[in-house]
Amino acid sequence: MGTGQQAPVDLSVRIGSLTIANPVMSASGCFGYGVEYAGMVDLSTLGAVVVKGLFLKEREGHPAPRIVETPAGMINAIGLQGIGVHRFISEKLPELRERRATVVVNVCGTTVDEYAEVSRILSDAEGVHALELNISCPNIKEGGIQFGCSLGGTHDVVSAVRKVTSLPIIPKLTPNVTDPASFARAAEAAGADAVSLVNTFLALAIDIESRRPKISNGMGGLSGPAIRPIAVRMVYECRQAVKIPVVGMGGIMNARDALEFMIAGATAVQVGTANFVDPLIWNTIVSGIGDYLTRHGIKSVDALIGSVDMGKH
């Protein structure tokens, strides 16, 4: 290496048995099945593509209107509309494989058995690299959050999925509880390889003229920059509580936001709402993380994770 040249920084991170090239993933529900963006984004350059949630069968979701903008984000109640696991494997997964995407599938269920069966089917499919268990969707009445708001339910879902797969399991935790760290511990005890958080915050927007909710479901999930400081705090608390990696998300709009999560303790991050603003944001965030590490003389992402100094100023 010539004088004045710096060794490239190592952006790779490990989540269970999975090593990803960089810590930036798409967030489930905000990037379709990945293939929708393949014309403008090189999917192989993302740390991972986290696809829309999948049940055993197709799901219609809630009627429109399902999304409303808020001053610093948006509320959605899509209702986990999706094509189901079998159509995903036959229609979407081949193109994701062809484009060399690292694929994390968001697994949904209304029963513990459904989570396990969807996970088993995906484990037999070529090109699925990890499973994110959606136990925290705030806007469906059955399944999902009923498990994510119960320590026993969280343990039961993770344990059942652990029995049927060797893929990394990443339960997605709800912020709509008093102590998310206790749920991270329950997931870890049940065999999770990592946890991801936060899912959206339960929220309500009202049309003052009609005096009715602005979305058909009534309440929905708040995402975007408004939730970021709370999400960073919850990621920090979970990082302190468990030994497994934490994947952080919530209002990440640029590299600085991603770095804040990582310094708080996130091994990797997911970007959701920002993708609607700028679908080409991915390389900007990844290169921004690399530039920061170079500027601070940090050789790898691992050395940055959880490096926050919480001593008083």
Protein backbone atom coordinates (compact mmCIF):
# COMPACT_ATOMS: atom_id res chain seq x y z
CA MET A 1 0.00 0.00 0.00
CA GLY A 2 1.40 3.39 -1.00
CA THR A 3 2.17 6.19 1.40
CA GLY A 4 -0.90 8.12 2.47
CA GLN A 5 -3.35 5.40 1.47
CA GLN A 6 -5.73 4.11 4.10
CA ALA A 7 -6.93 0.56 4.38
CA PRO A 8 -10.62 0.28 3.47
CA VAL A 9 -12.92 0.03 6.46
CA ASP A 10 -14.75 -3.23 7.12
CA LEU A 11 -18.50 -2.62 6.87
CA SER A 12 -19.53 -6.27 7.28
CA VAL A 13 -21.48 -7.45 10.32
CA ARG A 14 -22.66 -10.82 11.63
CA ILE A 15 -26.19 -11.72 12.70
CA GLY A 16 -26.16 -15.28 13.95
CA SER A 17 -24.69 -17.43 11.20
CA LEU A 18 -25.33 -14.73 8.58
CA THR A 19 -22.63 -12.26 7.54
CA ILE A 20 -23.86 -9.26 5.56
CA ALA A 21 -21.63 -6.96 3.51
CA ASN A 22 -22.84 -3.77 5.21
CA PRO A 23 -25.23 -2.91 8.06
CA VAL A 24 -27.96 -1.20 6.00
CA MET A 25 -31.17 -3.15 5.31
CA SER A 26 -34.54 -2.24 3.89
CA ALA A 27 -37.37 -2.33 6.42
CA SER A 28 -40.23 -4.72 5.88
CA GLY A 29 -43.32 -3.17 4.35
CA CYS A 30 -41.44 -0.21 2.86
CA PHE A 31 -39.57 -1.95 0.04
CA GLY A 32 -42.19 -4.32 -1.32
CA TYR A 33 -40.67 -7.70 -2.13
CA GLY A 34 -37.47 -6.02 -3.31
CA VAL A 35 -38.08 -6.82 -6.97
CA GLU A 36 -40.20 -3.66 -7.37
CA TYR A 37 -37.05 -1.56 -6.85
CA ALA A 38 -34.67 -3.76 -8.84
CA GLY A 39 -34.79 -1.41 -11.83
CA MET A 40 -33.21 1.45 -9.87
CA VAL A 41 -31.40 -0.18 -6.95
CA ASP A 42 -28.71 -2.86 -7.17
CA LEU A 43 -30.22 -5.19 -4.58
CA SER A 44 -26.89 -6.91 -4.01
CA THR A 45 -25.48 -3.67 -2.54
CA LEU A 46 -27.92 -3.66 0.37
CA GLY A 47 -26.90 -5.43 3.55
CA ALA A 48 -30.21 -7.26 3.19
CA VAL A 49 -33.61 -6.89 1.58
CA VAL A 50 -36.28 -7.42 4.24
CA VAL A 51 -39.42 -8.26 2.31
CA LYS A 52 -43.10 -7.57 3.07
CA GLY A 53 -44.68 -9.76 5.72
CA LEU A 54 -45.89 -13.17 4.62
CA PHE A 55 -48.69 -15.30 6.03
CA LEU A 56 -49.40 -18.86 4.94
CA LYS A 57 -52.08 -17.59 2.55
CA GLU A 58 -52.72 -14.37 0.64
CA ARG A 59 -54.11 -11.46 2.65
CA GLU A 60 -56.13 -8.46 1.47
CA GLY A 61 -55.24 -6.02 4.24
CA HIS A 62 -57.39 -3.06 5.27
CA PRO A 63 -59.51 -0.95 2.92
CA ALA A 64 -58.32 2.50 1.86
CA PRO A 65 -57.45 5.05 3.13
CA ARG A 66 -54.52 3.24 4.76
CA ILE A 67 -51.79 5.91 4.97
CA VAL A 68 -51.80 9.47 6.29
CA GLU A 69 -48.91 11.91 6.54
CA THR A 70 -48.05 13.45 9.90
CA PRO A 71 -45.78 16.44 10.66
CA ALA A 72 -42.67 14.25 11.02
CA GLY A 73 -43.63 10.92 9.56
CA MET A 74 -46.66 8.88 8.60
CA ILE A 75 -49.32 6.61 10.05
CA ASN A 76 -50.14 3.41 8.19
CA ALA A 77 -52.65 0.64 8.65
CA ILE A 78 -52.01 -1.49 5.58
CA GLY A 79 -53.09 -4.56 7.51
CA LEU A 80 -50.23 -6.76 6.33
CA GLN A 81 -51.58 -7.21 2.81
CA GLY A 82 -49.50 -9.82 1.05
CA ILE A 83 -49.27 -12.58 -1.53
CA GLY A 84 -48.61 -15.42 0.91
CA VAL A 85 -45.54 -17.59 1.31
CA HIS A 86 -46.13 -19.94 -1.63
CA ARG A 87 -46.56 -17.21 -4.23
CA PHE A 88 -43.54 -15.39 -2.82
CA ILE A 89 -41.37 -18.45 -3.31
CA SER A 90 -42.60 -19.07 -6.86
CA GLU A 91 -42.99 -15.48 -8.12
CA LYS A 92 -40.52 -13.24 -6.25
CA LEU A 93 -37.71 -15.33 -4.82
CA PRO A 94 -36.25 -16.44 -8.19
CA GLU A 95 -35.58 -12.82 -9.21
CA LEU A 96 -34.13 -11.98 -5.80
CA ARG A 97 -31.76 -14.93 -6.20
CA GLU A 98 -30.87 -13.83 -9.71
CA ARG A 99 -30.03 -10.34 -8.45
CA ARG A 100 -27.87 -11.79 -5.65
CA ALA A 101 -29.90 -10.17 -2.89
CA THR A 102 -29.45 -11.19 0.72
CA VAL A 103 -33.05 -11.95 1.64
CA VAL A 104 -34.64 -11.67 5.07
CA VAL A 105 -38.30 -12.67 5.08
CA ASN A 106 -40.72 -11.06 7.51
CA VAL A 107 -42.86 -13.92 8.83
CA CYS A 108 -46.42 -13.28 10.06
CA GLY A 109 -48.99 -15.45 11.74
CA THR A 110 -52.31 -15.49 13.54
CA THR A 111 -51.28 -18.57 15.52
CA VAL A 112 -47.99 -20.01 16.78
CA ASP A 113 -48.44 -22.92 14.37
CA GLU A 114 -48.74 -20.53 11.42
CA TYR A 115 -45.46 -18.80 12.30
CA ALA A 116 -43.78 -22.20 12.51
CA GLU A 117 -45.27 -23.50 9.24
CA VAL A 118 -44.39 -20.37 7.23
CA SER A 119 -40.87 -20.51 8.67
CA ARG A 120 -40.51 -24.21 7.81
CA ILE A 121 -41.61 -23.62 4.21
CA LEU A 122 -39.17 -20.71 3.81
CA SER A 123 -36.33 -22.74 5.32
CA ASP A 124 -36.66 -25.21 2.46
CA ALA A 125 -36.53 -22.46 -0.18
CA GLU A 126 -33.25 -21.58 -1.86
CA GLY A 127 -32.20 -17.97 -1.37
CA VAL A 128 -33.74 -17.13 2.01
CA HIS A 129 -31.00 -16.07 4.42
CA ALA A 130 -32.85 -15.18 7.65
CA LEU A 131 -36.32 -14.86 9.15
CA GLU A 132 -37.70 -11.75 10.86
CA LEU A 133 -40.70 -12.70 13.02
CA ASN A 134 -43.35 -10.02 12.94
CA ILE A 135 -44.80 -10.24 16.45
CA SER A 136 -45.39 -6.51 16.72
CA CYS A 137 -47.71 -5.15 14.03
CA PRO A 138 -49.93 -2.64 15.86
CA ASN A 139 -52.77 -2.50 13.36
CA ILE A 140 -54.12 -6.02 13.00
CA LYS A 141 -56.46 -7.37 15.63
CA GLU A 142 -55.51 -11.04 15.46
CA GLY A 143 -52.04 -12.56 15.88
CA GLY A 144 -48.98 -10.37 15.63
CA ILE A 145 -49.00 -7.93 18.48
CA GLN A 146 -50.94 -10.24 20.81
CA PHE A 147 -47.76 -12.33 20.87
CA GLY A 148 -45.42 -9.34 20.89
CA CYS A 149 -47.08 -7.77 23.94
CA SER A 150 -46.86 -10.99 25.97
CA LEU A 151 -43.55 -12.30 27.28
CA GLY A 152 -44.92 -15.83 27.15
CA GLY A 153 -46.26 -15.32 23.64
CA THR A 154 -42.92 -13.97 22.43
CA HIS A 155 -41.15 -16.99 23.93
CA ASP A 156 -43.67 -19.42 22.43
CA VAL A 157 -43.41 -18.06 18.87
CA VAL A 158 -39.61 -17.95 18.87
CA SER A 159 -39.36 -21.44 20.43
CA ALA A 160 -41.73 -22.93 17.85
CA VAL A 161 -39.85 -21.39 14.94
CA ARG A 162 -36.48 -22.41 16.40
CA LYS A 163 -37.60 -26.05 16.25
CA VAL A 164 -38.23 -25.94 12.48
CA THR A 165 -35.34 -23.86 11.10
CA SER A 166 -31.60 -23.43 11.25
CA LEU A 167 -31.84 -19.98 9.64
CA PRO A 168 -31.12 -16.94 11.83
CA ILE A 169 -34.29 -15.86 13.67
CA ILE A 170 -34.87 -12.15 14.32
CA PRO A 171 -38.07 -11.35 16.25
CA LYS A 172 -39.28 -7.80 15.54
CA LEU A 173 -40.20 -6.20 18.83
CA THR A 174 -42.98 -3.74 19.56
CA PRO A 175 -42.33 -0.36 21.18
CA ASN A 176 -45.90 -0.40 22.53
CA VAL A 177 -44.85 -1.92 25.86
CA THR A 178 -43.34 -0.44 29.02
CA ASP A 179 -40.08 -2.43 28.91
CA PRO A 180 -38.93 -3.66 25.47
CA ALA A 181 -35.71 -5.02 26.98
CA SER A 182 -37.65 -7.71 28.85
CA PHE A 183 -39.06 -8.89 25.51
CA ALA A 184 -35.58 -8.95 24.02
CA ARG A 185 -34.51 -11.19 26.91
CA ALA A 186 -37.51 -13.47 26.36
CA ALA A 187 -36.63 -13.77 22.66
CA GLU A 188 -32.99 -14.50 23.45
CA ALA A 189 -33.95 -17.19 25.99
CA ALA A 190 -36.18 -18.86 23.38
CA GLY A 191 -33.33 -19.14 20.86
CA ALA A 192 -33.44 -15.94 18.81
CA ASP A 193 -30.24 -15.02 16.98
CA ALA A 194 -31.01 -11.29 17.13
CA VAL A 195 -33.89 -8.90 17.74
CA SER A 196 -35.05 -6.01 15.57
CA LEU A 197 -36.80 -2.88 16.85
CA VAL A 198 -38.74 -0.75 16.78
CA ASN A 199 -41.91 -1.49 14.92
CA THR A 200 -44.33 1.41 14.61
CA PHE A 201 -45.98 3.22 17.52
CA LEU A 202 -49.76 2.92 17.85
CA ALA A 203 -51.17 6.28 16.73
CA LEU A 204 -54.37 8.08 15.78
CA ALA A 205 -55.05 10.97 13.37
CA ILE A 206 -58.50 12.56 13.24
CA ASP A 207 -60.18 14.62 10.53
CA ILE A 208 -61.63 17.48 12.54
CA GLU A 209 -64.38 18.26 9.98
CA SER A 210 -65.85 14.76 9.86
CA ARG A 211 -64.57 13.94 13.37
CA ARG A 212 -63.58 10.54 12.09
CA PRO A 213 -60.18 8.83 11.93
CA LYS A 214 -58.20 9.65 8.79
CA ILE A 215 -57.54 5.96 8.06
CA SER A 216 -60.12 3.22 7.72
CA ASN A 217 -58.77 1.05 10.52
CA GLY A 218 -59.05 3.88 13.01
CA MET A 219 -55.61 3.54 14.53
CA GLY A 220 -52.36 2.73 12.77
CA GLY A 221 -48.61 2.65 13.19
CA LEU A 222 -46.54 5.84 13.36
CA SER A 223 -43.14 5.79 11.63
CA GLY A 224 -40.64 8.42 10.50
CA PRO A 225 -38.31 10.93 12.19
CA ALA A 226 -40.84 11.65 14.98
CA ILE A 227 -40.14 8.28 16.61
CA ARG A 228 -36.34 8.19 16.19
CA PRO A 229 -35.16 9.41 19.62
CA ILE A 230 -37.49 6.96 21.38
CA ALA A 231 -36.35 4.14 19.08
CA VAL A 232 -32.68 4.94 19.77
CA ARG A 233 -33.37 4.78 23.51
CA MET A 234 -35.10 1.41 23.18
CA VAL A 235 -32.28 0.00 21.05
CA TYR A 236 -29.79 1.13 23.70
CA GLU A 237 -31.83 -0.53 26.48
CA CYS A 238 -32.12 -3.82 24.57
CA ARG A 239 -28.41 -3.81 23.75
CA GLN A 240 -27.69 -3.56 27.47
CA ALA A 241 -30.07 -6.43 28.25
CA VAL A 242 -29.01 -9.15 25.77
CA LYS A 243 -25.89 -10.63 24.22
CA ILE A 244 -27.44 -11.24 20.79
CA PRO A 245 -27.27 -8.53 18.09
CA VAL A 246 -29.88 -5.78 17.90
CA VAL A 247 -31.11 -4.45 14.54
CA GLY A 248 -32.28 -0.86 14.94
CA MET A 249 -34.84 1.16 13.01
CA GLY A 250 -37.17 4.11 13.39
CA GLY A 251 -37.00 7.30 11.37
CA ILE A 252 -33.55 6.82 9.80
CA MET A 253 -33.26 9.42 7.04
CA ASN A 254 -29.47 9.60 6.48
CA ALA A 255 -26.10 8.20 7.54
CA ARG A 256 -25.99 10.30 10.72
CA ASP A 257 -29.25 8.75 11.89
CA ALA A 258 -27.97 5.24 11.13
CA LEU A 259 -24.75 5.96 13.01
CA GLU A 260 -26.71 7.14 16.03
CA PHE A 261 -28.47 3.78 16.23
CA MET A 262 -25.20 1.88 15.82
CA ILE A 263 -23.41 3.89 18.48
CA ALA A 264 -26.39 3.17 20.77
CA GLY A 265 -25.88 -0.55 20.15
CA ALA A 266 -27.41 -1.60 16.84
CA THR A 267 -25.35 -4.11 14.85
CA ALA A 268 -27.34 -3.23 11.73
CA VAL A 269 -30.14 -0.83 10.82
CA GLN A 270 -33.26 -0.87 8.69
CA VAL A 271 -34.47 2.06 6.60
CA GLY A 272 -38.19 2.36 5.90
CA THR A 273 -40.08 5.63 5.54
CA ALA A 274 -37.03 7.42 4.03
CA ASN A 275 -37.19 5.03 1.07
CA PHE A 276 -40.51 6.60 0.07
CA VAL A 277 -38.84 10.02 0.04
CA ASP A 278 -35.72 8.91 -1.84
CA PRO A 279 -35.61 5.38 -3.31
CA LEU A 280 -31.91 5.88 -4.11
CA ILE A 281 -30.92 6.60 -0.51
CA TRP A 282 -29.11 3.30 0.06
CA ASN A 283 -25.65 4.03 -1.34
CA THR A 284 -25.67 7.46 0.32
CA ILE A 285 -26.20 5.91 3.76
CA VAL A 286 -23.68 3.10 3.26
CA SER A 287 -20.97 5.44 1.95
CA GLY A 288 -21.73 7.92 4.74
CA ILE A 289 -21.10 5.22 7.35
CA GLY A 290 -17.82 4.32 5.62
CA ASP A 291 -16.74 7.98 5.48
CA TYR A 292 -17.45 8.40 9.19
CA LEU A 293 -15.38 5.35 10.11
CA THR A 294 -12.49 6.56 7.93
CA ARG A 295 -12.64 10.07 9.39
CA HIS A 296 -12.52 8.72 12.94
CA GLY A 297 -9.85 6.12 12.25
CA ILE A 298 -12.20 3.24 13.07
CA LYS A 299 -11.33 0.13 11.10
CA SER A 300 -14.64 -1.74 11.31
CA VAL A 301 -18.31 -1.30 12.06
CA ASP A 302 -17.92 -3.76 14.95
CA ALA A 303 -15.70 -1.29 16.78
CA LEU A 304 -18.45 1.34 16.61
CA ILE A 305 -21.40 -0.75 17.81
CA GLY A 306 -22.48 0.18 21.31
CA SER A 307 -19.66 2.69 21.76
CA VAL A 308 -21.85 5.38 23.30
CA ASP A 309 -20.45 7.05 26.44
CA MET A 310 -23.43 7.58 28.74
CA GLY A 311 -21.39 9.43 31.38
CA LYS A 312 -22.79 12.81 32.33
CA HIS A 313 -21.34 15.82 30.53
